[in-house]
């Protein structure tokens, strides 16, 4: 587990050295997919660090979409739902951790539907 966190931190440091690559990686669909995968892995394996990493990867897209008038306040709260899910996993309330992921999964699924049906 510590190796995965260390690799993720090193990857983020390497990406910060090249900002356009960082923007394409974290703000786009790769960031959303990685966040969803990390969050699901965290709920299944009952390890809250995965959910925290998922919230970290969800933060750039949430801030980016939160700058639009349509999503102004709601999008900024989505990573907080993932952090609350991590807290629920830490407290061993498994059902609540899955319920708290529903807003992020639902919003990103809706966004994917809007993009793909244009």
N, C-alpha and C. Protein backbone atom coordinates (compact mmCIF):
# COMPACT_ATOMS: atom_id res chain seq x y z
N UNK A 1 0.83 -1.19 0.00
CA UNK A 1 0.00 0.00 0.00
C UNK A 1 0.87 1.25 0.00
N UNK A 2 1.94 1.25 0.79
CA UNK A 2 2.81 2.41 0.84
C UNK A 2 3.50 2.63 -0.50
N UNK A 3 3.79 1.54 -1.21
CA UNK A 3 4.42 1.68 -2.52
C UNK A 3 3.49 2.36 -3.51
N UNK A 4 2.22 2.03 -3.45
CA UNK A 4 1.25 2.63 -4.37
C UNK A 4 1.10 4.12 -4.09
N UNK A 5 1.05 4.50 -2.84
CA UNK A 5 0.94 5.91 -2.48
C UNK A 5 2.21 6.64 -2.91
N UNK A 6 3.36 6.04 -2.71
CA UNK A 6 4.62 6.66 -3.10
C UNK A 6 4.69 6.82 -4.62
N UNK A 7 4.27 5.81 -5.35
CA UNK A 7 4.27 5.89 -6.82
C UNK A 7 3.31 6.98 -7.28
N UNK A 8 2.15 7.09 -6.66
CA UNK A 8 1.19 8.13 -7.04
C UNK A 8 1.75 9.52 -6.77
N UNK A 9 2.41 9.70 -5.64
CA UNK A 9 3.01 10.99 -5.31
C UNK A 9 4.12 11.32 -6.30
N UNK A 10 4.96 10.35 -6.63
CA UNK A 10 6.02 10.59 -7.61
C UNK A 10 5.45 10.91 -8.98
N UNK A 11 4.37 10.25 -9.36
CA UNK A 11 3.72 10.54 -10.64
C UNK A 11 3.19 11.97 -10.67
N UNK A 12 2.57 12.39 -9.57
CA UNK A 12 2.06 13.76 -9.51
C UNK A 12 3.19 14.78 -9.57
N UNK A 13 4.32 14.50 -8.91
CA UNK A 13 5.47 15.42 -8.96
C UNK A 13 6.02 15.50 -10.38
N UNK A 14 6.11 14.35 -11.06
CA UNK A 14 6.61 14.36 -12.43
C UNK A 14 5.64 15.12 -13.34
N UNK A 15 4.35 14.99 -13.10
CA UNK A 15 3.39 15.69 -13.94
C UNK A 15 3.42 17.19 -13.69
N UNK A 16 3.72 17.62 -12.46
CA UNK A 16 3.79 19.05 -12.17
C UNK A 16 4.95 19.71 -12.89
N UNK A 17 5.95 18.95 -13.28
CA UNK A 17 7.07 19.53 -14.00
C UNK A 17 6.69 19.92 -15.42
N UNK A 18 5.67 19.30 -15.97
CA UNK A 18 5.19 19.60 -17.32
C UNK A 18 3.71 19.93 -17.22
N UNK A 19 3.39 21.23 -17.06
CA UNK A 19 2.02 21.62 -16.78
C UNK A 19 1.01 21.24 -17.87
N UNK A 20 1.32 21.39 -19.17
CA UNK A 20 0.32 20.96 -20.17
C UNK A 20 0.00 19.47 -20.07
N UNK A 21 0.99 18.66 -19.79
CA UNK A 21 0.72 17.23 -19.60
C UNK A 21 -0.13 17.01 -18.36
N UNK A 22 0.14 17.77 -17.32
CA UNK A 22 -0.67 17.69 -16.10
C UNK A 22 -2.12 18.05 -16.38
N UNK A 23 -2.32 19.12 -17.13
CA UNK A 23 -3.68 19.56 -17.42
C UNK A 23 -4.43 18.51 -18.24
N UNK A 24 -3.76 17.95 -19.25
CA UNK A 24 -4.43 16.94 -20.07
C UNK A 24 -4.71 15.67 -19.28
N UNK A 25 -3.84 15.33 -18.36
CA UNK A 25 -3.99 14.08 -17.62
C UNK A 25 -5.00 14.17 -16.49
N UNK A 26 -4.91 15.21 -15.69
CA UNK A 26 -5.74 15.27 -14.49
C UNK A 26 -7.09 15.94 -14.71
N UNK A 27 -7.17 16.89 -15.62
CA UNK A 27 -8.43 17.59 -15.80
C UNK A 27 -9.35 16.84 -16.75
N UNK A 28 -8.82 16.03 -17.61
CA UNK A 28 -9.64 15.34 -18.59
C UNK A 28 -10.19 14.02 -18.09
N UNK A 29 -10.57 13.20 -19.06
CA UNK A 29 -11.18 11.90 -18.76
C UNK A 29 -10.24 10.95 -18.04
N UNK A 30 -8.92 10.99 -18.29
CA UNK A 30 -8.06 10.08 -17.50
C UNK A 30 -8.15 10.34 -16.00
N UNK A 31 -8.23 11.61 -15.60
CA UNK A 31 -8.37 11.92 -14.18
C UNK A 31 -9.68 11.42 -13.60
N UNK A 32 -10.75 11.53 -14.38
CA UNK A 32 -12.06 11.05 -13.92
C UNK A 32 -12.05 9.54 -13.78
N UNK A 33 -11.51 8.85 -14.78
CA UNK A 33 -11.47 7.39 -14.75
C UNK A 33 -10.60 6.89 -13.60
N UNK A 34 -9.43 7.51 -13.42
CA UNK A 34 -8.54 7.09 -12.33
C UNK A 34 -9.22 7.33 -10.98
N UNK A 35 -9.90 8.45 -10.85
CA UNK A 35 -10.61 8.73 -9.60
C UNK A 35 -11.70 7.71 -9.32
N UNK A 36 -12.47 7.36 -10.34
CA UNK A 36 -13.52 6.36 -10.16
C UNK A 36 -12.94 4.99 -9.81
N UNK A 37 -11.86 4.61 -10.50
CA UNK A 37 -11.25 3.30 -10.24
C UNK A 37 -10.69 3.25 -8.82
N UNK A 38 -9.97 4.31 -8.41
CA UNK A 38 -9.41 4.33 -7.06
C UNK A 38 -10.52 4.29 -6.00
N UNK A 39 -11.61 4.98 -6.26
CA UNK A 39 -12.71 5.00 -5.28
C UNK A 39 -13.37 3.63 -5.16
N UNK A 40 -13.60 2.98 -6.27
CA UNK A 40 -14.21 1.64 -6.23
C UNK A 40 -13.26 0.65 -5.56
N UNK A 41 -11.98 0.72 -5.89
CA UNK A 41 -11.00 -0.16 -5.24
C UNK A 41 -11.00 0.08 -3.73
N UNK A 42 -11.09 1.34 -3.32
CA UNK A 42 -11.11 1.66 -1.89
C UNK A 42 -12.31 1.09 -1.18
N UNK A 43 -13.48 1.15 -1.82
CA UNK A 43 -14.69 0.60 -1.20
C UNK A 43 -14.66 -0.93 -1.16
N UNK A 44 -14.16 -1.53 -2.23
CA UNK A 44 -14.12 -3.00 -2.27
C UNK A 44 -13.08 -3.54 -1.29
N UNK A 45 -11.89 -2.93 -1.28
CA UNK A 45 -10.82 -3.45 -0.42
C UNK A 45 -10.91 -2.94 1.02
N UNK A 46 -11.83 -1.99 1.25
CA UNK A 46 -12.04 -1.41 2.59
C UNK A 46 -10.79 -0.71 3.11
N UNK A 47 -10.10 -0.01 2.20
CA UNK A 47 -8.91 0.78 2.55
C UNK A 47 -9.18 2.22 2.18
N UNK A 48 -9.17 3.07 3.18
CA UNK A 48 -9.57 4.46 2.96
C UNK A 48 -8.55 5.27 2.17
N UNK A 49 -7.29 4.85 2.11
CA UNK A 49 -6.28 5.60 1.35
C UNK A 49 -6.62 5.65 -0.13
N UNK A 50 -7.20 4.59 -0.66
CA UNK A 50 -7.60 4.59 -2.07
C UNK A 50 -8.65 5.65 -2.33
N UNK A 51 -9.57 5.82 -1.41
CA UNK A 51 -10.61 6.82 -1.57
C UNK A 51 -10.04 8.23 -1.46
N UNK A 52 -9.05 8.41 -0.61
CA UNK A 52 -8.40 9.71 -0.52
C UNK A 52 -7.67 10.03 -1.81
N UNK A 53 -6.99 9.04 -2.39
CA UNK A 53 -6.34 9.24 -3.69
C UNK A 53 -7.37 9.53 -4.77
N UNK A 54 -8.51 8.86 -4.71
CA UNK A 54 -9.58 9.15 -5.66
C UNK A 54 -10.07 10.59 -5.54
N UNK A 55 -10.16 11.09 -4.32
CA UNK A 55 -10.57 12.48 -4.11
C UNK A 55 -9.52 13.45 -4.64
N UNK A 56 -8.25 13.09 -4.49
CA UNK A 56 -7.17 13.94 -5.01
C UNK A 56 -7.25 14.03 -6.53
N UNK A 57 -7.51 12.90 -7.19
CA UNK A 57 -7.62 12.91 -8.65
C UNK A 57 -8.93 13.54 -9.12
N UNK A 58 -9.94 13.59 -8.27
CA UNK A 58 -11.22 14.21 -8.64
C UNK A 58 -11.19 15.72 -8.45
N UNK A 59 -10.27 16.22 -7.67
CA UNK A 59 -10.23 17.65 -7.37
C UNK A 59 -10.02 18.53 -8.61
N UNK A 60 -9.08 18.23 -9.51
CA UNK A 60 -8.90 19.13 -10.66
C UNK A 60 -10.13 19.25 -11.55
N UNK A 61 -10.77 18.15 -11.88
CA UNK A 61 -11.96 18.23 -12.75
C UNK A 61 -13.11 18.90 -12.01
N UNK A 62 -13.19 18.71 -10.71
CA UNK A 62 -14.25 19.35 -9.94
C UNK A 62 -14.05 20.86 -9.89
N UNK A 63 -12.83 21.30 -9.70
CA UNK A 63 -12.56 22.74 -9.69
C UNK A 63 -12.76 23.34 -11.08
N UNK A 64 -12.37 22.60 -12.10
CA UNK A 64 -12.54 23.08 -13.48
C UNK A 64 -14.02 23.25 -13.82
N UNK A 65 -14.82 22.24 -13.53
CA UNK A 65 -16.25 22.33 -13.83
C UNK A 65 -16.98 23.24 -12.84
N UNK A 66 -16.42 23.39 -11.64
CA UNK A 66 -17.02 24.28 -10.67
C UNK A 66 -16.90 25.75 -11.05
N UNK A 67 -16.03 26.06 -12.00
CA UNK A 67 -15.87 27.44 -12.46
C UNK A 67 -16.96 27.84 -13.43
N UNK A 68 -17.76 26.90 -13.87
CA UNK A 68 -18.86 27.22 -14.79
C UNK A 68 -20.10 27.59 -13.98
N UNK A 69 -20.95 28.45 -14.52
CA UNK A 69 -22.13 28.87 -13.75
C UNK A 69 -23.12 27.74 -13.46
N UNK A 70 -23.18 26.75 -14.35
CA UNK A 70 -24.16 25.68 -14.18
C UNK A 70 -23.84 24.79 -12.98
N UNK A 71 -22.55 24.59 -12.70
CA UNK A 71 -22.13 23.68 -11.63
C UNK A 71 -21.43 24.40 -10.48
N UNK A 72 -21.65 25.66 -10.32
CA UNK A 72 -20.79 26.50 -9.49
C UNK A 72 -20.45 25.91 -8.11
N UNK A 73 -21.41 25.50 -7.33
CA UNK A 73 -21.09 25.04 -5.98
C UNK A 73 -21.10 23.53 -5.85
N UNK A 74 -21.91 22.88 -6.63
CA UNK A 74 -22.06 21.43 -6.48
C UNK A 74 -20.78 20.67 -6.82
N UNK A 75 -20.10 21.08 -7.89
CA UNK A 75 -18.91 20.34 -8.33
C UNK A 75 -17.77 20.43 -7.33
N UNK A 76 -17.69 21.52 -6.62
CA UNK A 76 -16.62 21.67 -5.63
C UNK A 76 -16.83 20.70 -4.46
N UNK A 77 -18.07 20.31 -4.22
CA UNK A 77 -18.38 19.42 -3.11
C UNK A 77 -18.13 17.94 -3.44
N UNK A 78 -17.99 17.58 -4.71
CA UNK A 78 -17.86 16.17 -5.07
C UNK A 78 -16.66 15.48 -4.43
N UNK A 79 -15.45 16.09 -4.40
CA UNK A 79 -14.36 15.42 -3.69
C UNK A 79 -14.62 15.25 -2.19
N UNK A 80 -15.41 16.15 -1.63
CA UNK A 80 -15.75 16.02 -0.20
C UNK A 80 -16.59 14.78 0.05
N UNK A 81 -17.45 14.43 -0.91
CA UNK A 81 -18.22 13.19 -0.77
C UNK A 81 -17.28 11.99 -0.74
N UNK A 82 -16.23 12.03 -1.56
CA UNK A 82 -15.27 10.93 -1.57
C UNK A 82 -14.49 10.88 -0.26
N UNK A 83 -14.15 12.05 0.28
CA UNK A 83 -13.44 12.06 1.57
C UNK A 83 -14.36 11.55 2.69
N UNK A 84 -15.64 11.90 2.63
CA UNK A 84 -16.59 11.36 3.61
C UNK A 84 -16.74 9.85 3.44
N UNK A 85 -16.66 9.39 2.21
CA UNK A 85 -16.70 7.95 1.96
C UNK A 85 -15.46 7.27 2.57
N UNK A 86 -14.32 7.93 2.47
CA UNK A 86 -13.10 7.39 3.09
C UNK A 86 -13.27 7.32 4.60
N UNK A 87 -13.89 8.34 5.18
CA UNK A 87 -14.13 8.31 6.62
C UNK A 87 -15.08 7.18 7.00
N UNK A 88 -16.09 6.94 6.16
CA UNK A 88 -17.03 5.84 6.42
C UNK A 88 -16.32 4.49 6.34
N UNK A 89 -15.40 4.34 5.40
CA UNK A 89 -14.62 3.09 5.31
C UNK A 89 -13.75 2.95 6.55
N UNK A 90 -13.16 4.06 6.98
CA UNK A 90 -12.31 4.02 8.18
C UNK A 90 -13.12 3.61 9.42
N UNK A 91 -14.36 4.07 9.49
CA UNK A 91 -15.23 3.71 10.62
C UNK A 91 -15.98 2.40 10.40
N UNK A 92 -15.70 1.73 9.28
CA UNK A 92 -16.28 0.43 8.93
C UNK A 92 -17.79 0.47 8.73
N UNK A 93 -18.26 1.54 8.11
CA UNK A 93 -19.67 1.64 7.72
C UNK A 93 -19.69 1.50 6.20
N UNK A 94 -19.66 0.25 5.75
CA UNK A 94 -19.46 -0.05 4.33
C UNK A 94 -20.59 0.48 3.45
N UNK A 95 -21.83 0.34 3.86
CA UNK A 95 -22.95 0.78 3.03
C UNK A 95 -22.92 2.28 2.81
N UNK A 96 -22.52 3.03 3.82
CA UNK A 96 -22.47 4.48 3.70
C UNK A 96 -21.36 4.92 2.74
N UNK A 97 -20.27 4.18 2.72
CA UNK A 97 -19.19 4.54 1.79
C UNK A 97 -19.64 4.42 0.34
N UNK A 98 -20.44 3.40 0.04
CA UNK A 98 -20.96 3.24 -1.32
C UNK A 98 -21.99 4.33 -1.65
N UNK A 99 -22.83 4.66 -0.68
CA UNK A 99 -23.85 5.69 -0.91
C UNK A 99 -23.20 7.05 -1.15
N UNK A 100 -22.11 7.33 -0.46
CA UNK A 100 -21.45 8.63 -0.63
C UNK A 100 -20.70 8.74 -1.96
N UNK A 101 -20.48 7.64 -2.64
CA UNK A 101 -19.87 7.69 -3.97
C UNK A 101 -20.89 7.97 -5.08
N UNK A 102 -22.15 7.80 -4.78
CA UNK A 102 -23.20 7.96 -5.80
C UNK A 102 -23.20 9.36 -6.44
N UNK A 103 -23.05 10.46 -5.69
CA UNK A 103 -23.05 11.77 -6.36
C UNK A 103 -21.92 11.93 -7.39
N UNK A 104 -20.72 11.47 -7.07
CA UNK A 104 -19.61 11.59 -8.02
C UNK A 104 -19.82 10.70 -9.23
N UNK A 105 -20.20 9.46 -8.99
CA UNK A 105 -20.41 8.53 -10.11
C UNK A 105 -21.57 9.01 -10.98
N UNK A 106 -22.64 9.46 -10.35
CA UNK A 106 -23.79 9.94 -11.10
C UNK A 106 -23.47 11.18 -11.93
N UNK A 107 -22.77 12.13 -11.34
CA UNK A 107 -22.43 13.35 -12.06
C UNK A 107 -21.49 13.07 -13.23
N UNK A 108 -20.50 12.24 -13.01
CA UNK A 108 -19.56 11.93 -14.09
C UNK A 108 -20.22 11.06 -15.17
N UNK A 109 -21.16 10.22 -14.79
CA UNK A 109 -21.90 9.45 -15.79
C UNK A 109 -22.79 10.37 -16.62
N UNK A 110 -23.43 11.33 -15.97
CA UNK A 110 -24.23 12.30 -16.70
C UNK A 110 -23.35 13.13 -17.65
N UNK A 111 -22.18 13.53 -17.18
CA UNK A 111 -21.27 14.31 -18.02
C UNK A 111 -20.82 13.49 -19.23
N UNK A 112 -20.51 12.21 -19.01
CA UNK A 112 -20.12 11.33 -20.13
C UNK A 112 -21.26 11.20 -21.12
N UNK A 113 -22.48 11.08 -20.63
CA UNK A 113 -23.63 10.97 -21.52
C UNK A 113 -23.81 12.25 -22.34
N UNK A 114 -23.65 13.41 -21.72
CA UNK A 114 -23.79 14.67 -22.43
C UNK A 114 -22.72 14.80 -23.51
N UNK A 115 -21.49 14.44 -23.18
CA UNK A 115 -20.39 14.56 -24.14
C UNK A 115 -20.57 13.58 -25.29
N UNK A 116 -20.96 12.36 -25.01
CA UNK A 116 -21.06 11.35 -26.05
C UNK A 116 -22.28 11.51 -26.94
N UNK A 117 -23.32 12.19 -26.48
CA UNK A 117 -24.52 12.35 -27.30
C UNK A 117 -24.59 13.70 -28.00
N UNK A 118 -23.55 14.45 -28.01
CA UNK A 118 -23.55 15.74 -28.72
C UNK A 118 -23.45 15.53 -30.21
